[in-house]
Amino acid sequence: VVWQKYSAPDEDASFTRTDESMATGTWTTTPATP
């Protein structure tokens, strides 16, 4: 519960996979398009 609360993304952000993040296996956060 604590981990989910403090690791929740910003509501104004979306998760995207880039070529770099696919190579490292990480996700990057980018602002959502209004």
Full PDB file with SEQRES, HELIX, SHEET, SSBOND, CRYST1, ORIGX, SCALE, CONECT and MASTER records, all heavy atoms in Angstrom:
SEQRES   1 A   34  VAL VAL TRP GLN LYS TYR SER ALA PRO ASP GLU ASP ALA          
SEQRES   2 A   34  SER PHE THR ARG THR ASP GLU SER MET ALA THR GLY THR          
SEQRES   3 A   34  TRP THR THR THR PRO ALA THR PRO                              
HELIX    1 AA1 VAL A    2  SER A    7  1                                   6    
HELIX    2 AA2 ASP A   19  THR A   24  1                                   6    
SHEET    1 AA1 2 ALA A  13  THR A  16  0                                        
SHEET    2 AA1 2 THR A  28  PRO A  31 -1                                        
CRYST1    1.000    1.000    1.000  90.00  90.00  90.00 P 1           1          
ORIGX1      1.000000  0.000000  0.000000        0.00000                         
ORIGX2      0.000000  1.000000  0.000000        0.00000                         
ORIGX3      0.000000  0.000000  1.000000        0.00000                         
SCALE1      1.000000  0.000000  0.000000        0.00000                         
SCALE2      0.000000  1.000000  0.000000        0.00000                         
SCALE3      0.000000  0.000000  1.000000        0.00000                         
ATOM      1  N   VAL A   1       0.842  -1.209   0.000  1.00  0.00           N  
ATOM      2  CA  VAL A   1       0.000   0.000   0.000  1.00  0.00           C  
ATOM      3  C   VAL A   1       0.872   1.252   0.000  1.00  0.00           C  
ATOM      4  O   VAL A   1       0.651   2.186  -0.777  1.00  0.00           O  
ATOM      5  CB  VAL A   1      -0.971  -0.011   1.205  1.00  0.00           C  
ATOM      6  CG1 VAL A   1      -1.655   1.336   1.368  1.00  0.00           C  
ATOM      7  CG2 VAL A   1      -2.000  -1.122   1.044  1.00  0.00           C  
ATOM      8  N   VAL A   2       1.894   1.284   0.844  1.00  0.00           N  
ATOM      9  CA  VAL A   2       2.785   2.447   0.905  1.00  0.00           C  
ATOM     10  C   VAL A   2       3.531   2.612  -0.407  1.00  0.00           C  
ATOM     11  O   VAL A   2       3.656   3.704  -0.945  1.00  0.00           O  
ATOM     12  CB  VAL A   2       3.757   2.325   2.111  1.00  0.00           C  
ATOM     13  CG1 VAL A   2       4.849   3.377   2.046  1.00  0.00           C  
ATOM     14  CG2 VAL A   2       2.994   2.416   3.417  1.00  0.00           C  
ATOM     15  N   TRP A   3       4.030   1.520  -0.965  1.00  0.00           N  
ATOM     16  CA  TRP A   3       4.769   1.573  -2.231  1.00  0.00           C  
ATOM     17  C   TRP A   3       3.885   2.110  -3.351  1.00  0.00           C  
ATOM     18  O   TRP A   3       4.298   2.956  -4.126  1.00  0.00           O  
ATOM     19  CB  TRP A   3       5.286   0.179  -2.568  1.00  0.00           C  
ATOM     20  CG  TRP A   3       5.995   0.140  -3.888  1.00  0.00           C  
ATOM     21  CD1 TRP A   3       7.239   0.605  -4.169  1.00  0.00           C  
ATOM     22  CD2 TRP A   3       5.481  -0.374  -5.110  1.00  0.00           C  
ATOM     23  NE1 TRP A   3       7.545   0.410  -5.489  1.00  0.00           N  
ATOM     24  CE2 TRP A   3       6.467  -0.195  -6.093  1.00  0.00           C  
ATOM     25  CE3 TRP A   3       4.284  -0.986  -5.472  1.00  0.00           C  
ATOM     26  CZ2 TRP A   3       6.290  -0.596  -7.408  1.00  0.00           C  
ATOM     27  CZ3 TRP A   3       4.107  -1.379  -6.779  1.00  0.00           C  
ATOM     28  CH2 TRP A   3       5.110  -1.181  -7.736  1.00  0.00           C  
ATOM     29  N   GLN A   4       2.636   1.665  -3.448  1.00  0.00           N  
ATOM     30  CA  GLN A   4       1.735   2.147  -4.494  1.00  0.00           C  
ATOM     31  C   GLN A   4       1.410   3.621  -4.316  1.00  0.00           C  
ATOM     32  O   GLN A   4       1.331   4.363  -5.279  1.00  0.00           O  
ATOM     33  CB  GLN A   4       0.446   1.329  -4.516  1.00  0.00           C  
ATOM     34  CG  GLN A   4       0.624  -0.031  -5.117  1.00  0.00           C  
ATOM     35  CD  GLN A   4      -0.679  -0.808  -5.168  1.00  0.00           C  
ATOM     36  OE1 GLN A   4      -1.625  -0.481  -4.474  1.00  0.00           O  
ATOM     37  NE2 GLN A   4      -0.711  -1.850  -5.991  1.00  0.00           N  
ATOM     38  N   LYS A   5       1.219   4.035  -3.086  1.00  0.00           N  
ATOM     39  CA  LYS A   5       0.878   5.438  -2.830  1.00  0.00           C  
ATOM     40  C   LYS A   5       2.013   6.368  -3.242  1.00  0.00           C  
ATOM     41  O   LYS A   5       1.793   7.384  -3.887  1.00  0.00           O  
ATOM     42  CB  LYS A   5       0.540   5.642  -1.356  1.00  0.00           C  
ATOM     43  CG  LYS A   5       0.214   7.067  -1.025  1.00  0.00           C  
ATOM     44  CD  LYS A   5      -0.187   7.243   0.417  1.00  0.00           C  
ATOM     45  CE  LYS A   5      -0.377   8.704   0.683  1.00  0.00           C  
ATOM     46  NZ  LYS A   5      -1.561   9.031   1.373  1.00  0.00           N  
ATOM     47  N   TYR A   6       3.242   6.044  -2.877  1.00  0.00           N  
ATOM     48  CA  TYR A   6       4.363   6.935  -3.148  1.00  0.00           C  
ATOM     49  C   TYR A   6       5.015   6.720  -4.510  1.00  0.00           C  
ATOM     50  O   TYR A   6       5.797   7.541  -4.951  1.00  0.00           O  
ATOM     51  CB  TYR A   6       5.413   6.820  -2.033  1.00  0.00           C  
ATOM     52  CG  TYR A   6       4.916   7.420  -0.752  1.00  0.00           C  
ATOM     53  CD1 TYR A   6       4.539   6.626   0.319  1.00  0.00           C  
ATOM     54  CD2 TYR A   6       4.772   8.799  -0.626  1.00  0.00           C  
ATOM     55  CE1 TYR A   6       4.047   7.175   1.479  1.00  0.00           C  
ATOM     56  CE2 TYR A   6       4.277   9.356   0.529  1.00  0.00           C  
ATOM     57  CZ  TYR A   6       3.918   8.550   1.581  1.00  0.00           C  
ATOM     58  OH  TYR A   6       3.430   9.099   2.731  1.00  0.00           O  
ATOM     59  N   SER A   7       4.670   5.671  -5.203  1.00  0.00           N  
ATOM     60  CA  SER A   7       5.245   5.461  -6.526  1.00  0.00           C  
ATOM     61  C   SER A   7       4.211   5.701  -7.624  1.00  0.00           C  
ATOM     62  O   SER A   7       4.481   5.433  -8.777  1.00  0.00           O  
ATOM     63  CB  SER A   7       5.801   4.041  -6.650  1.00  0.00           C  
ATOM     64  OG  SER A   7       4.738   3.099  -6.612  1.00  0.00           O  
ATOM     65  N   ALA A   8       3.024   6.222  -7.260  1.00  0.00           N  
ATOM     66  CA  ALA A   8       1.990   6.497  -8.265  1.00  0.00           C  
ATOM     67  C   ALA A   8       2.461   7.635  -9.169  1.00  0.00           C  
ATOM     68  O   ALA A   8       3.026   8.620  -8.701  1.00  0.00           O  
ATOM     69  CB  ALA A   8       0.679   6.877  -7.593  1.00  0.00           C  
ATOM     70  N   PRO A   9       2.240   7.532 -10.475  1.00  0.00           N  
ATOM     71  CA  PRO A   9       2.669   8.593 -11.397  1.00  0.00           C  
ATOM     72  C   PRO A   9       1.786   9.822 -11.261  1.00  0.00           C  
ATOM     73  O   PRO A   9       0.680   9.754 -10.722  1.00  0.00           O  
ATOM     74  CB  PRO A   9       2.479   7.957 -12.778  1.00  0.00           C  
ATOM     75  CG  PRO A   9       1.406   6.939 -12.574  1.00  0.00           C  
ATOM     76  CD  PRO A   9       1.595   6.434 -11.166  1.00  0.00           C  
ATOM     77  N   ASP A  10       2.300  10.946 -11.762  1.00  0.00           N  
ATOM     78  CA  ASP A  10       1.498  12.163 -11.797  1.00  0.00           C  
ATOM     79  C   ASP A  10       0.283  11.908 -12.669  1.00  0.00           C  
ATOM     80  O   ASP A  10       0.346  11.198 -13.661  1.00  0.00           O  
ATOM     81  CB  ASP A  10       2.302  13.327 -12.399  1.00  0.00           C  
ATOM     82  CG  ASP A  10       3.450  13.738 -11.507  1.00  0.00           C  
ATOM     83  OD1 ASP A  10       3.405  13.421 -10.312  1.00  0.00           O  
ATOM     84  OD2 ASP A  10       4.385  14.385 -12.028  1.00  0.00           O  
ATOM     85  N   GLU A  11      -0.830  12.541 -12.327  1.00  0.00           N  
ATOM     86  CA  GLU A  11      -2.031  12.389 -13.139  1.00  0.00           C  
ATOM     87  C   GLU A  11      -1.852  13.036 -14.500  1.00  0.00           C  
ATOM     88  O   GLU A  11      -2.544  12.700 -15.437  1.00  0.00           O  
ATOM     89  CB  GLU A  11      -3.231  12.994 -12.421  1.00  0.00           C  
ATOM     90  CG  GLU A  11      -3.652  12.182 -11.223  1.00  0.00           C  
ATOM     91  CD  GLU A  11      -4.884  12.752 -10.556  1.00  0.00           C  
ATOM     92  OE1 GLU A  11      -5.584  13.551 -11.190  1.00  0.00           O  
ATOM     93  OE2 GLU A  11      -5.129  12.394  -9.408  1.00  0.00           O  
ATOM     94  N   ASP A  12      -0.937  13.989 -14.613  1.00  0.00           N  
ATOM     95  CA  ASP A  12      -0.714  14.681 -15.875  1.00  0.00           C  
ATOM     96  C   ASP A  12       0.364  14.000 -16.714  1.00  0.00           C  
ATOM     97  O   ASP A  12       0.869  14.588 -17.646  1.00  0.00           O  
ATOM     98  CB  ASP A  12      -0.300  16.134 -15.623  1.00  0.00           C  
ATOM     99  CG  ASP A  12      -1.425  16.928 -14.991  1.00  0.00           C  
ATOM    100  OD1 ASP A  12      -2.589  16.528 -15.149  1.00  0.00           O  
ATOM    101  OD2 ASP A  12      -1.129  17.942 -14.349  1.00  0.00           O  
ATOM    102  N   ALA A  13       0.753  12.789 -16.346  1.00  0.00           N  
ATOM    103  CA  ALA A  13       1.813  12.123 -17.072  1.00  0.00           C  
ATOM    104  C   ALA A  13       1.304  10.792 -17.611  1.00  0.00           C  
ATOM    105  O   ALA A  13       0.346  10.233 -17.113  1.00  0.00           O  
ATOM    106  CB  ALA A  13       3.012  11.893 -16.161  1.00  0.00           C  
ATOM    107  N   SER A  14       1.967  10.328 -18.645  1.00  0.00           N  
ATOM    108  CA  SER A  14       1.640   9.018 -19.190  1.00  0.00           C  
ATOM    109  C   SER A  14       2.943   8.239 -19.344  1.00  0.00           C  
ATOM    110  O   SER A  14       4.016   8.825 -19.478  1.00  0.00           O  
ATOM    111  CB  SER A  14       0.920   9.157 -20.530  1.00  0.00           C  
ATOM    112  OG  SER A  14       1.774   9.785 -21.463  1.00  0.00           O  
ATOM    113  N   PHE A  15       2.854   6.914 -19.303  1.00  0.00           N  
ATOM    114  CA  PHE A  15       4.030   6.085 -19.460  1.00  0.00           C  
ATOM    115  C   PHE A  15       4.199   5.741 -20.921  1.00  0.00           C  
ATOM    116  O   PHE A  15       3.250   5.354 -21.597  1.00  0.00           O  
ATOM    117  CB  PHE A  15       3.900   4.807 -18.635  1.00  0.00           C  
ATOM    118  CG  PHE A  15       3.994   5.045 -17.165  1.00  0.00           C  
ATOM    119  CD1 PHE A  15       2.875   5.021 -16.366  1.00  0.00           C  
ATOM    120  CD2 PHE A  15       5.219   5.315 -16.583  1.00  0.00           C  
ATOM    121  CE1 PHE A  15       2.964   5.247 -15.021  1.00  0.00           C  
ATOM    122  CE2 PHE A  15       5.316   5.548 -15.232  1.00  0.00           C  
ATOM    123  CZ  PHE A  15       4.189   5.515 -14.448  1.00  0.00           C  
ATOM    124  N   THR A  16       5.423   5.894 -21.416  1.00  0.00           N  
ATOM    125  CA  THR A  16       5.729   5.550 -22.798  1.00  0.00           C  
ATOM    126  C   THR A  16       7.019   4.754 -22.837  1.00  0.00           C  
ATOM    127  O   THR A  16       7.868   4.880 -21.959  1.00  0.00           O  
ATOM    128  CB  THR A  16       5.890   6.794 -23.679  1.00  0.00           C  
ATOM    129  OG1 THR A  16       6.906   7.623 -23.117  1.00  0.00           O  
ATOM    130  CG2 THR A  16       4.606   7.582 -23.774  1.00  0.00           C  
ATOM    131  N   ARG A  17       7.152   3.940 -23.870  1.00  0.00           N  
ATOM    132  CA  ARG A  17       8.386   3.193 -24.073  1.00  0.00           C  
ATOM    133  C   ARG A  17       9.117   3.841 -25.233  1.00  0.00           C  
ATOM    134  O   ARG A  17       8.545   4.088 -26.279  1.00  0.00           O  
ATOM    135  CB  ARG A  17       8.099   1.740 -24.422  1.00  0.00           C  
ATOM    136  CG  ARG A  17       7.435   0.910 -23.349  1.00  0.00           C  
ATOM    137  CD  ARG A  17       8.358   0.505 -22.273  1.00  0.00           C  
ATOM    138  NE  ARG A  17       9.395  -0.399 -22.702  1.00  0.00           N  
ATOM    139  CZ  ARG A  17       9.851  -1.398 -21.985  1.00  0.00           C  
ATOM    140  NH1 ARG A  17       9.338  -1.654 -20.819  1.00  0.00           N  
ATOM    141  NH2 ARG A  17      10.816  -2.152 -22.426  1.00  0.00           N  
ATOM    142  N   THR A  18      10.379   4.159 -25.024  1.00  0.00           N  
ATOM    143  CA  THR A  18      11.212   4.690 -26.096  1.00  0.00           C  
ATOM    144  C   THR A  18      12.218   3.615 -26.488  1.00  0.00           C  
ATOM    145  O   THR A  18      12.370   2.603 -25.795  1.00  0.00           O  
ATOM    146  CB  THR A  18      11.958   5.955 -25.640  1.00  0.00           C  
ATOM    147  OG1 THR A  18      12.804   5.600 -24.544  1.00  0.00           O  
ATOM    148  CG2 THR A  18      10.993   7.053 -25.219  1.00  0.00           C  
ATOM    149  N   ASP A  19      12.932   3.838 -27.576  1.00  0.00           N  
ATOM    150  CA  ASP A  19      13.947   2.871 -28.001  1.00  0.00           C  
ATOM    151  C   ASP A  19      14.980   2.675 -26.901  1.00  0.00           C  
ATOM    152  O   ASP A  19      15.418   1.564 -26.618  1.00  0.00           O  
ATOM    153  CB  ASP A  19      14.630   3.339 -29.286  1.00  0.00           C  
ATOM    154  CG  ASP A  19      13.690   3.273 -30.480  1.00  0.00           C  
ATOM    155  OD1 ASP A  19      12.710   2.504 -30.419  1.00  0.00           O  
ATOM    156  OD2 ASP A  19      13.942   3.985 -31.464  1.00  0.00           O  
ATOM    157  N   GLU A  20      15.351   3.784 -26.245  1.00  0.00           N  
ATOM    158  CA  GLU A  20      16.342   3.708 -25.167  1.00  0.00           C  
ATOM    159  C   GLU A  20      15.785   2.925 -23.985  1.00  0.00           C  
ATOM    160  O   GLU A  20      16.457   2.081 -23.404  1.00  0.00           O  
ATOM    161  CB  GLU A  20      16.726   5.119 -24.721  1.00  0.00           C  
ATOM    162  CG  GLU A  20      17.745   5.134 -23.604  1.00  0.00           C  
ATOM    163  CD  GLU A  20      18.047   6.556 -23.148  1.00  0.00           C  
ATOM    164  OE1 GLU A  20      18.004   7.464 -23.994  1.00  0.00           O  
ATOM    165  OE2 GLU A  20      18.316   6.736 -21.955  1.00  0.00           O  
ATOM    166  N   SER A  21      14.513   3.183 -23.615  1.00  0.00           N  
ATOM    167  CA  SER A  21      13.946   2.498 -22.458  1.00  0.00           C  
ATOM    168  C   SER A  21      13.717   1.024 -22.753  1.00  0.00           C  
ATOM    169  O   SER A  21      13.769   0.197 -21.850  1.00  0.00           O  
ATOM    170  CB  SER A  21      12.642   3.158 -22.023  1.00  0.00           C  
ATOM    171  OG  SER A  21      11.628   2.963 -22.987  1.00  0.00           O  
ATOM    172  N   MET A  22      13.472   0.679 -24.008  1.00  0.00           N  
ATOM    173  CA  MET A  22      13.306  -0.738 -24.349  1.00  0.00           C  
ATOM    174  C   MET A  22      14.636  -1.470 -24.195  1.00  0.00           C  
ATOM    175  O   MET A  22      14.672  -2.628 -23.786  1.00  0.00           O  
ATOM    176  CB  MET A  22      12.745  -0.886 -25.761  1.00  0.00           C  
ATOM    177  CG  MET A  22      11.306  -0.420 -25.848  1.00  0.00           C  
ATOM    178  SD  MET A  22      10.620  -0.648 -27.464  1.00  0.00           S  
ATOM    179  CE  MET A  22       9.936  -2.271 -27.282  1.00  0.00           C  
ATOM    180  N   ALA A  23      15.734  -0.786 -24.512  1.00  0.00           N  
ATOM    181  CA  ALA A  23      17.055  -1.407 -24.388  1.00  0.00           C  
ATOM    182  C   ALA A  23      17.407  -1.615 -22.923  1.00  0.00           C  
ATOM    183  O   ALA A  23      18.013  -2.624 -22.564  1.00  0.00           O  
ATOM    184  CB  ALA A  23      18.110  -0.541 -25.068  1.00  0.00           C  
ATOM    185  N   THR A  24      17.014  -0.658 -22.066  1.00  0.00           N  
ATOM    186  CA  THR A  24      17.354  -0.767 -20.649  1.00  0.00           C  
ATOM    187  C   THR A  24      16.265  -1.457 -19.849  1.00  0.00           C  
ATOM    188  O   THR A  24      16.471  -1.788 -18.695  1.00  0.00           O  
ATOM    189  CB  THR A  24      17.592   0.627 -20.041  1.00  0.00           C  
ATOM    190  OG1 THR A  24      16.385   1.378 -20.150  1.00  0.00           O  
ATOM    191  CG2 THR A  24      18.728   1.346 -20.732  1.00  0.00           C  
ATOM    192  N   GLY A  25      15.088  -1.643 -20.460  1.00  0.00           N  
ATOM    193  CA  GLY A  25      13.987  -2.294 -19.754  1.00  0.00           C  
ATOM    194  C   GLY A  25      13.283  -1.378 -18.777  1.00  0.00           C  
ATOM    195  O   GLY A  25      12.633  -1.835 -17.855  1.00  0.00           O  
ATOM    196  N   THR A  26      13.437  -0.059 -18.940  1.00  0.00           N  
ATOM    197  CA  THR A  26      12.790   0.887 -18.033  1.00  0.00           C  
ATOM    198  C   THR A  26      11.705   1.667 -18.776  1.00  0.00           C  
ATOM    199  O   THR A  26      11.701   1.767 -19.997  1.00  0.00           O  
ATOM    200  CB  THR A  26      13.812   1.888 -17.464  1.00  0.00           C  
ATOM    201  OG1 THR A  26      14.381   2.609 -18.550  1.00  0.00           O  
ATOM    202  CG2 THR A  26      14.885   1.197 -16.666  1.00  0.00           C  
ATOM    203  N   TRP A  27      10.823   2.210 -18.003  1.00  0.00           N  
ATOM    204  CA  TRP A  27       9.753   3.052 -18.551  1.00  0.00           C  
ATOM    205  C   TRP A  27      10.107   4.505 -18.281  1.00  0.00           C  
ATOM    206  O   TRP A  27      10.709   4.833 -17.260  1.00  0.00           O  
ATOM    207  CB  TRP A  27       8.411   2.751 -17.877  1.00  0.00           C  
ATOM    208  CG  TRP A  27       7.841   1.431 -18.260  1.00  0.00           C  
ATOM    209  CD1 TRP A  27       8.113   0.223 -17.685  1.00  0.00           C  
ATOM    210  CD2 TRP A  27       6.926   1.181 -19.312  1.00  0.00           C  
ATOM    211  NE1 TRP A  27       7.412  -0.770 -18.303  1.00  0.00           N  
ATOM    212  CE2 TRP A  27       6.663  -0.202 -19.318  1.00  0.00           C  
ATOM    213  CE3 TRP A  27       6.294   1.974 -20.257  1.00  0.00           C  
ATOM    214  CZ2 TRP A  27       5.812  -0.797 -20.224  1.00  0.00           C  
ATOM    215  CZ3 TRP A  27       5.425   1.373 -21.148  1.00  0.00           C  
ATOM    216  CH2 TRP A  27       5.202   0.003 -21.134  1.00  0.00           C  
ATOM    217  N   THR A  28       9.723   5.385 -19.203  1.00  0.00           N  
ATOM    218  CA  THR A  28       9.939   6.810 -18.966  1.00  0.00           C  
ATOM    219  C   THR A  28       8.591   7.495 -18.842  1.00  0.00           C  
ATOM    220  O   THR A  28       7.605   7.057 -19.424  1.00  0.00           O  
ATOM    221  CB  THR A  28      10.719   7.462 -20.124  1.00  0.00           C  
ATOM    222  OG1 THR A  28      10.006   7.259 -21.330  1.00  0.00           O  
ATOM    223  CG2 THR A  28      12.108   6.880 -20.240  1.00  0.00           C  
ATOM    224  N   THR A  29       8.563   8.564 -18.074  1.00  0.00           N  
ATOM    225  CA  THR A  29       7.335   9.313 -17.868  1.00  0.00           C  
ATOM    226  C   THR A  29       7.385  10.585 -18.704  1.00  0.00           C  
ATOM    227  O   THR A  29       8.346  11.341 -18.636  1.00  0.00           O  
ATOM    228  CB  THR A  29       7.170   9.690 -16.381  1.00  0.00           C  
ATOM    229  OG1 THR A  29       7.257   8.491 -15.614  1.00  0.00           O  
ATOM    230  CG2 THR A  29       5.859  10.374 -16.130  1.00  0.00           C  
ATOM    231  N   THR A  30       6.345  10.811 -19.497  1.00  0.00           N  
ATOM    232  CA  THR A  30       6.256  12.038 -20.292  1.00  0.00           C  
ATOM    233  C   THR A  30       4.943  12.722 -19.984  1.00  0.00           C  
ATOM    234  O   THR A  30       3.947  12.058 -19.673  1.00  0.00           O  
ATOM    235  CB  THR A  30       6.319  11.737 -21.806  1.00  0.00           C  
ATOM    236  OG1 THR A  30       5.277  10.828 -22.130  1.00  0.00           O  
ATOM    237  CG2 THR A  30       7.651  11.137 -22.198  1.00  0.00           C  
ATOM    238  N   PRO A  31       4.911  14.047 -20.062  1.00  0.00           N  
ATOM    239  CA  PRO A  31       3.654  14.746 -19.789  1.00  0.00           C  
ATOM    240  C   PRO A  31       2.579  14.314 -20.778  1.00  0.00           C  
ATOM    241  O   PRO A  31       2.852  14.090 -21.956  1.00  0.00           O  
ATOM    242  CB  PRO A  31       4.002  16.219 -19.985  1.00  0.00           C  
ATOM    243  CG  PRO A  31       5.490  16.284 -19.910  1.00  0.00           C  
ATOM    244  CD  PRO A  31       6.000  14.950 -20.348  1.00  0.00           C  
ATOM    245  N   ALA A  32       1.370  14.187 -20.284  1.00  0.00           N  
ATOM    246  CA  ALA A  32       0.248  13.827 -21.146  1.00  0.00           C  
ATOM    247  C   ALA A  32      -0.126  15.012 -22.014  1.00  0.00           C  
ATOM    248  O   ALA A  32      -0.007  16.160 -21.608  1.00  0.00           O  
ATOM    249  CB  ALA A  32      -0.953  13.409 -20.299  1.00  0.00           C  
ATOM    250  N   THR A  33      -0.578  14.743 -23.217  1.00  0.00           N  
ATOM    251  CA  THR A  33      -1.008  15.803 -24.120  1.00  0.00           C  
ATOM    252  C   THR A  33      -2.396  16.261 -23.700  1.00  0.00           C  
ATOM    253  O   THR A  33      -3.308  15.441 -23.596  1.00  0.00           O  
ATOM    254  CB  THR A  33      -1.056  15.279 -25.572  1.00  0.00           C  
ATOM    255  OG1 THR A  33       0.210  14.731 -25.887  1.00  0.00           O  
ATOM    256  CG2 THR A  33      -1.417  16.384 -26.537  1.00  0.00           C  
ATOM    257  N   PRO A  34      -2.552  17.563 -23.441  1.00  0.00           N  
ATOM    258  CA  PRO A  34      -3.878  18.026 -23.029  1.00  0.00           C  
ATOM    259  C   PRO A  34      -4.856  17.870 -24.192  1.00  0.00           C  
ATOM    260  O   PRO A  34      -4.475  17.965 -25.354  1.00  0.00           O  
ATOM    261  CB  PRO A  34      -3.662  19.506 -22.687  1.00  0.00           C  
ATOM    262  CG  PRO A  34      -2.407  19.884 -23.392  1.00  0.00           C  
ATOM    263  CD  PRO A  34      -1.591  18.643 -23.538  1.00  0.00           C  
TER     264      PRO A  34                                                      
MASTER        0    0    0    2    2    0    0    6  263    1    0    3          
END                                                                             
